[in-house]
Structure formats: C-alpha cells, structure tokens
Protein backbone atom coordinates (compact mmCIF):
# COMPACT_ATOMS: atom_id res chain seq x y z
CA MET A 1 60.22 11.26 -139.08
CA LYS A 2 58.07 9.05 -141.32
CA SER A 3 61.18 7.77 -143.13
CA LEU A 4 62.95 7.17 -139.77
CA SER A 5 59.99 5.36 -138.38
CA PHE A 6 60.06 3.09 -141.46
CA PHE A 7 63.86 2.43 -141.04
CA PHE A 8 63.48 1.20 -137.55
CA THR A 9 60.30 -0.94 -138.39
CA LEU A 10 62.30 -2.53 -140.98
CA LEU A 11 65.32 -2.99 -138.83
CA LEU A 12 63.14 -4.49 -136.05
CA PHE A 13 61.55 -6.79 -138.76
CA THR A 14 64.98 -8.04 -140.20
CA LEU A 15 66.23 -8.72 -136.70
CA VAL A 16 63.13 -10.74 -135.65
CA ALA A 17 63.48 -12.55 -139.03
CA GLN A 18 67.11 -13.42 -138.65
CA ALA A 19 66.29 -14.57 -135.09
CA ASP A 20 63.76 -16.82 -136.34
CA ILE A 21 66.25 -18.13 -138.96
CA GLN A 22 68.80 -18.78 -136.37
CA LYS A 23 66.30 -20.78 -134.15
CA LYS A 24 65.28 -22.83 -136.97
CA CYS A 25 69.04 -23.46 -137.92
CA VAL A 26 69.62 -24.81 -134.41
CA GLU A 27 66.60 -26.95 -134.36
CA LEU A 28 67.39 -28.29 -138.01
CA LEU A 29 71.19 -29.04 -137.12
CA GLY A 30 69.92 -30.82 -133.74
CA SER A 31 67.62 -33.06 -135.60
CA ILE A 32 70.33 -34.50 -137.78
CA GLN A 33 71.78 -37.75 -136.59
CA GLY A 34 75.08 -38.20 -134.98
CA PRO A 35 77.14 -36.62 -132.41
CA PHE A 36 75.83 -32.96 -131.57
CA LEU A 37 76.93 -30.02 -129.41
CA LYS A 38 74.47 -27.35 -129.17
CA LYS A 39 76.96 -24.66 -128.54
CA ASN A 40 78.80 -25.37 -131.79
CA ALA A 41 75.29 -25.10 -133.65
CA GLU A 42 74.59 -21.83 -132.09
CA LYS A 43 77.95 -20.41 -133.10
CA VAL A 44 77.35 -21.53 -136.77
CA CYS A 45 73.71 -20.32 -136.79
CA ILE A 46 74.49 -16.69 -135.76
CA THR A 47 75.56 -15.92 -139.45
CA VAL A 48 73.18 -18.46 -141.16
CA GLN A 49 70.97 -16.98 -143.91
CA ALA A 50 68.49 -17.79 -146.39
CA LEU A 51 68.55 -16.38 -150.11
CA ASN A 52 65.18 -14.63 -151.11
CA GLY A 53 62.86 -17.09 -152.21
CA CYS A 54 64.79 -20.21 -151.14
CA GLN A 55 62.14 -22.39 -149.56
CA SER A 56 60.63 -25.70 -149.91
CA VAL A 57 57.29 -26.81 -151.35
CA LYS A 58 55.76 -26.56 -147.77
CA GLY A 59 57.53 -23.23 -147.16
CA ALA A 60 60.33 -24.18 -144.93
CA PRO A 61 63.52 -21.99 -145.32
CA ILE A 62 66.49 -23.46 -147.20
CA LEU A 63 69.33 -22.12 -145.14
CA HIS A 64 73.02 -21.64 -145.99
CA TYR A 65 76.21 -21.04 -144.03
CA ASP A 66 79.17 -18.84 -145.55
CA ARG A 67 82.83 -18.80 -144.28
CA ASN A 68 85.35 -16.80 -145.97
CA GLY A 69 89.00 -18.10 -146.75
CA HIS A 70 92.18 -16.50 -145.72
CA GLU A 71 94.20 -16.84 -148.82
CA LYS A 72 94.86 -14.38 -151.34
CA VAL A 73 94.20 -16.73 -154.33
CA LYS A 74 91.36 -18.83 -153.25
CA LYS A 75 88.15 -20.67 -154.86
CA ARG A 76 84.55 -20.64 -153.82
CA ILE A 77 83.27 -24.19 -152.93
CA LEU A 78 79.68 -24.63 -152.72
CA VAL A 79 78.21 -27.57 -150.90
CA PHE A 80 74.80 -29.14 -151.07
CA SER A 81 73.65 -31.97 -148.80
CA LEU A 82 70.39 -33.72 -148.19
CA ILE A 83 69.19 -33.44 -151.87
CA HIS A 84 67.61 -36.76 -151.05
CA GLY A 85 65.82 -36.31 -147.67
CA ASP A 86 66.34 -39.88 -146.49
CA GLU A 87 70.17 -39.87 -146.81
CA THR A 88 70.62 -38.78 -143.29
CA GLY A 89 74.52 -39.59 -143.03
CA ALA A 90 75.02 -36.73 -145.57
CA GLY A 91 73.55 -34.51 -143.00
CA SER A 92 75.92 -35.52 -140.45
CA LEU A 93 79.00 -34.91 -142.52
CA VAL A 94 77.87 -31.45 -143.70
CA ARG A 95 76.81 -30.43 -140.14
CA TYR A 96 80.33 -31.27 -138.84
CA TRP A 97 81.95 -29.34 -141.86
CA MET A 98 79.91 -26.24 -140.67
CA GLU A 99 81.11 -26.57 -137.13
CA ARG A 100 84.72 -27.30 -138.17
CA LEU A 101 84.80 -24.02 -140.64
CA SER A 102 83.47 -22.03 -137.76
CA GLU A 103 86.57 -23.09 -135.63
CA ILE A 104 89.45 -22.92 -138.28
CA GLU A 105 90.69 -20.49 -140.79
CA PRO A 106 89.87 -22.08 -144.18
CA ARG A 107 91.97 -21.51 -147.29
CA ASN A 108 89.08 -21.23 -149.59
CA ASP A 109 85.64 -19.56 -149.49
CA TRP A 110 82.82 -22.07 -148.53
CA ARG A 111 79.17 -21.91 -148.83
CA VAL A 112 77.21 -24.82 -147.24
CA VAL A 113 73.64 -25.71 -147.77
CA PRO A 114 73.02 -28.21 -145.15
CA VAL A 115 69.45 -29.46 -146.10
CA LEU A 116 68.25 -28.70 -149.71
CA ASN A 117 65.20 -30.80 -149.30
CA PRO A 118 63.88 -30.08 -145.80
CA ASP A 119 60.37 -31.45 -146.53
CA GLY A 120 62.03 -34.77 -147.56
CA PHE A 121 64.33 -34.73 -144.66
CA ILE A 122 61.33 -34.18 -142.14
CA ALA A 123 59.39 -37.06 -144.06
CA LYS A 124 62.45 -39.31 -144.45
CA THR A 125 61.92 -39.55 -148.24
CA ARG A 126 64.23 -39.39 -151.07
CA VAL A 127 61.85 -37.08 -152.91
CA ASN A 128 60.27 -33.63 -151.88
CA ALA A 129 56.74 -32.93 -150.82
CA ASN A 130 55.61 -33.05 -154.59
CA ARG A 131 57.17 -36.49 -154.93
CA VAL A 132 59.89 -35.44 -157.25
CA ASP A 133 63.45 -36.63 -157.12
CA LEU A 134 65.31 -33.28 -157.10
CA ASN A 135 68.52 -34.84 -158.71
CA ARG A 136 66.40 -35.47 -161.85
CA ASN A 137 64.84 -32.09 -162.04
CA PHE A 138 67.53 -29.96 -162.97
CA PRO A 139 66.87 -28.19 -166.38
CA THR A 140 69.54 -29.88 -168.49
CA GLU A 141 69.35 -29.39 -172.27
CA ASP A 142 68.08 -32.94 -172.89
CA TRP A 143 65.46 -32.84 -170.11
CA ASN A 144 62.34 -32.18 -172.25
CA ALA A 145 63.22 -34.84 -174.71
CA GLN A 146 64.65 -37.52 -172.29
CA ALA A 147 63.63 -37.25 -168.70
CA GLU A 148 60.21 -38.87 -168.66
CA LYS A 149 61.49 -41.41 -171.21
CA PHE A 150 64.58 -42.26 -169.16
CA TRP A 151 62.43 -42.71 -166.05
CA LYS A 152 60.03 -44.95 -167.60
CA ASP A 153 62.50 -46.99 -169.76
CA ARG A 154 65.48 -47.33 -167.16
CA THR A 155 63.77 -47.26 -163.74
CA SER A 156 60.30 -48.81 -164.78
CA SER A 157 58.75 -45.66 -163.54
CA ASN A 158 60.39 -45.89 -160.09
CA PRO A 159 58.38 -43.22 -157.89
CA ARG A 160 61.72 -42.59 -155.95
CA ARG A 161 63.25 -41.41 -159.12
CA PHE A 162 60.23 -39.39 -160.72
CA PRO A 163 61.95 -36.27 -162.56
CA GLY A 164 58.77 -34.02 -162.23
CA SER A 165 56.63 -32.61 -164.87
CA VAL A 166 58.47 -29.56 -165.45
CA ALA A 167 62.44 -29.06 -166.00
CA GLY A 168 63.57 -26.90 -163.05
CA GLY A 169 60.09 -26.70 -161.78
CA GLU A 170 60.72 -27.74 -158.07
CA PRO A 171 61.36 -24.73 -155.65
CA GLU A 172 64.28 -26.58 -154.04
CA VAL A 173 65.71 -26.87 -157.49
CA GLN A 174 65.43 -23.33 -158.17
CA CYS A 175 66.98 -22.47 -154.84
CA ALA A 176 70.12 -24.48 -155.64
CA MET A 177 70.11 -22.71 -159.10
CA LYS A 178 69.88 -19.34 -157.21
CA HIS A 179 72.94 -20.38 -155.13
CA VAL A 180 75.10 -21.07 -158.28
CA ALA A 181 74.17 -17.99 -159.85
CA ASP A 182 74.53 -15.74 -156.55
CA TYR A 183 77.75 -17.59 -155.28
CA LYS A 184 79.45 -18.21 -158.64
CA PRO A 185 81.27 -21.28 -157.33
CA ASP A 186 84.41 -22.57 -158.73
CA PHE A 187 83.73 -26.03 -157.23
CA VAL A 188 80.58 -28.00 -156.20
CA VAL A 189 80.07 -30.69 -153.83
CA SER A 190 76.98 -32.90 -153.46
CA ILE A 191 76.68 -35.05 -150.46
CA HIS A 192 74.91 -38.59 -150.66
CA THR A 193 74.72 -42.02 -149.31
CA PRO A 194 75.24 -44.95 -149.44
CA LEU A 195 77.46 -45.86 -152.55
CA GLY A 196 80.77 -45.30 -150.78
CA VAL A 197 82.76 -43.65 -153.68
CA LEU A 198 83.92 -40.12 -154.89
CA ASP A 199 82.41 -39.54 -158.13
CA PHE A 200 84.02 -36.44 -159.94
CA ASP A 201 82.48 -34.67 -163.00
CA GLY A 202 85.36 -32.48 -163.76
CA PRO A 203 88.75 -32.22 -165.67
CA LYS A 204 90.77 -35.09 -166.10
CA VAL A 205 93.12 -34.62 -163.12
CA LYS A 206 95.03 -36.87 -160.82
CA PRO A 207 92.76 -37.20 -157.82
CA PRO A 208 94.23 -36.47 -154.14
CA SER A 209 94.97 -39.33 -151.95
CA PHE A 210 92.17 -40.40 -149.74
CA ASP A 211 91.98 -43.87 -148.76
CA TYR A 212 88.48 -43.82 -146.95
CA LEU A 213 86.55 -43.61 -150.24
CA PRO A 214 87.52 -44.81 -153.67
CA TRP A 215 87.49 -42.51 -156.71
CA LYS A 216 85.02 -43.81 -159.27
CA SER A 217 83.41 -41.95 -162.13
CA LEU A 218 79.75 -42.86 -162.25
CA GLY A 219 78.72 -40.22 -164.72
CA HIS A 220 75.40 -38.35 -164.58
CA TYR A 221 71.77 -38.53 -165.53
CA THR A 222 69.48 -36.43 -167.43
CA GLY A 223 68.23 -33.85 -165.06
CA SER A 224 71.12 -34.50 -162.45
CA LEU A 225 73.12 -31.68 -160.71
CA GLY A 226 76.44 -33.29 -162.21
CA ARG A 227 75.36 -32.84 -165.95
CA PHE A 228 73.66 -29.54 -165.23
CA LEU A 229 76.91 -28.05 -163.64
CA TRP A 230 79.71 -29.83 -165.28
CA ALA A 231 78.51 -31.32 -168.65
CA GLU A 232 76.70 -28.11 -169.66
CA ARG A 233 78.57 -25.22 -167.61
CA ASN A 234 81.82 -26.41 -166.91
CA ILE A 235 81.77 -26.23 -163.20
CA PRO A 236 83.50 -29.19 -161.54
CA THR A 237 81.14 -31.30 -159.15
CA LEU A 238 82.06 -33.96 -156.74
CA THR A 239 79.39 -36.24 -155.90
CA THR A 240 80.46 -37.50 -152.44
CA GLU A 241 78.76 -40.82 -151.89
CA LEU A 242 79.18 -41.91 -148.14
CA ARG A 243 78.93 -45.49 -147.04
CA SER A 244 76.07 -46.45 -145.11
CA SER A 245 77.81 -46.64 -141.86
CA LEU A 246 79.70 -43.36 -141.03
CA PRO A 247 83.27 -43.56 -139.79
CA GLY A 248 84.07 -44.10 -136.11
CA SER A 249 85.79 -40.70 -135.58
CA PHE A 250 85.72 -37.31 -137.44
CA ARG A 251 89.29 -37.61 -138.61
CA LYS A 252 88.13 -38.89 -141.93
CA PHE A 253 85.70 -36.12 -142.43
CA ASP A 254 88.61 -33.51 -141.61
CA GLU A 255 90.76 -35.29 -144.32
CA LEU A 256 87.78 -35.37 -146.84
CA GLN A 257 87.29 -31.64 -146.61
CA ASP A 258 90.81 -30.80 -146.83
CA VAL A 259 90.93 -33.11 -150.11
CA LEU A 260 88.15 -31.08 -151.58
CA GLY A 261 89.92 -28.06 -150.86
CA GLN A 262 93.06 -29.29 -152.71
CA LEU A 263 90.77 -30.52 -155.51
CA ALA A 264 89.18 -27.01 -156.04
CA LYS A 265 92.56 -25.53 -156.51
CA TYR A 266 93.14 -27.41 -159.87
CA GLU A 267 92.78 -25.24 -162.90
CA LEU A 268 90.12 -26.16 -165.48
CA PRO A 269 92.03 -27.14 -168.58
CA THR A 270 91.00 -24.72 -171.52
CA ASN A 271 90.51 -27.50 -173.97
CA SER A 272 88.48 -29.52 -171.50
CA LYS A 273 85.18 -30.86 -172.97
CA PRO A 274 82.76 -32.41 -170.48
CA GLU A 275 81.44 -35.83 -171.46
CA VAL A 276 77.45 -36.05 -171.26
CA THR A 277 77.25 -39.98 -170.81
CA GLY A 278 76.64 -41.96 -167.77
CA ASN A 279 74.83 -42.05 -164.47
CA ASP A 280 74.95 -40.64 -161.03
CA HIS A 281 73.05 -41.14 -157.86
C-alpha cells in the first residue's frame, strides 16, 4: 500500500509540475512580440518540457518543444533562440516555427528551445542575470587562454560581451550543452538579430536558394556556440541573423524553415576539417 501511495503521490506531483510548465510556456510565448494566437500556443505547450536542471540564474525553467519527423531517413535539428535576451525578433521567428511544426508533418526531427536566456529576455538585456554574454561562455578549447584577453583587446571590455569568469559556468550554457548531449543533433540553428545574414559553420556545400537573407560566413569567437559545436565537435551550425525589421508575412519564415531542413540533409564530408578563425554574433 505504501508503494502504491508513493506512486500516486509521484504521479500527482508530475501532473502538477507539467501543468505549471504548460502555463509558463503559454505566458512565455504570449510575451514575445509579433502576431500571437493563444490557441496555437496552448497546442504547442501541451507537450513542452524542461530538461532536469535546465533553468536560468534566477531559477526560470528553460523550456523546449520536440516534434518528430515522418521520413525514415531523417536528421535531428536543434534550435536555440534568444541566447541574447534583447534580440526579440528571434523569439518571433522561433515561436512561429513551433506553431507551424504543430500543424505540419515535418521531414526531420526538431527540438526547439525558444528562450535560452529567460532572465535576459525579461530584462531586455543581451546578457544573463550574471551579466555574462552566453555566446562567449561556451567552454571552447581556447577559452581559458583567450576569452578574457579577447574581450579586453577586441571589445575594449564591452560589458555586453563579457565572457564570464568560468568557461561554461553559466547555467543557461550548461543547459544548452545538456540539450546537445541529450538530443545528439545532426544540425544546430541559433537564431539572432539584427545582422541580416545566414552564417553557416559547417562543411563546404552549396547553400540552398533563399533570397531573403544572404549567405555570409562570419566565423566564430572564442566561447561562441559556433566554435564549440562546429570547430570542435563537427556539428554543423547555422547562425540565423534576422534583420531588425521582420518580414511582412510568415511566408519567408516558412521558406527558411524548409531551407534548414534541406541543409541538414547534407552529409558531412569525412575529410572535412573545421576552421577556427573568425567571428560570430
């Protein structure tokens, strides 16, 4: 009887926790700028989850949405948005993708993390609550030797680009790494604004046709997601830099999501050696 009572207590706790996550999900998506249909958010949020330990400095859960693809041969695509909390246009795009994924039968498997930096998103700051630029805190091999020096020499100690005091020390970065380990993505997308380019860290392939944003290689910084994933782990990563003003219709968002699905299908050349020079946002 005790074991049965414990089971029902655990089940009730799980249901209450999931209901709380769903409520937070609807509130979160509703707070992102742009057109918003609550019924779509509720449909998406029914299955939204949070990995164990995935939370911000202030304890906000970092949520993710999974959608399985229908093709027999498919890739796993992992999407991060709002790594920088003040790039709100990135949230508009990824929220729309989540709603679209709930309506279509995608070819590939998708995992979407709509807000990796919830504290920064609430405060409308690039950095997290510890005032760290999360896209400079990933524990790349050169971090201890170069992160602080690069920050001082190349950005004049710009507080918006502070890499932190410990490589991979920020809970949001640790959450992102948990997603990489848990989901084992074949392809990663990081959504930003406002540079207006598609910056691909991956094998040398002919990019799919997409006229809304030009393809332009910006490279990657010490501590950046692009260097951590592609240069050191051979996981192709596309940094999607939207323009400051979003397109007038969702058609371009549809096209971009389809382009990413196509790009993820490319096989990584066995002799491909990622370059480690350059910069990214």
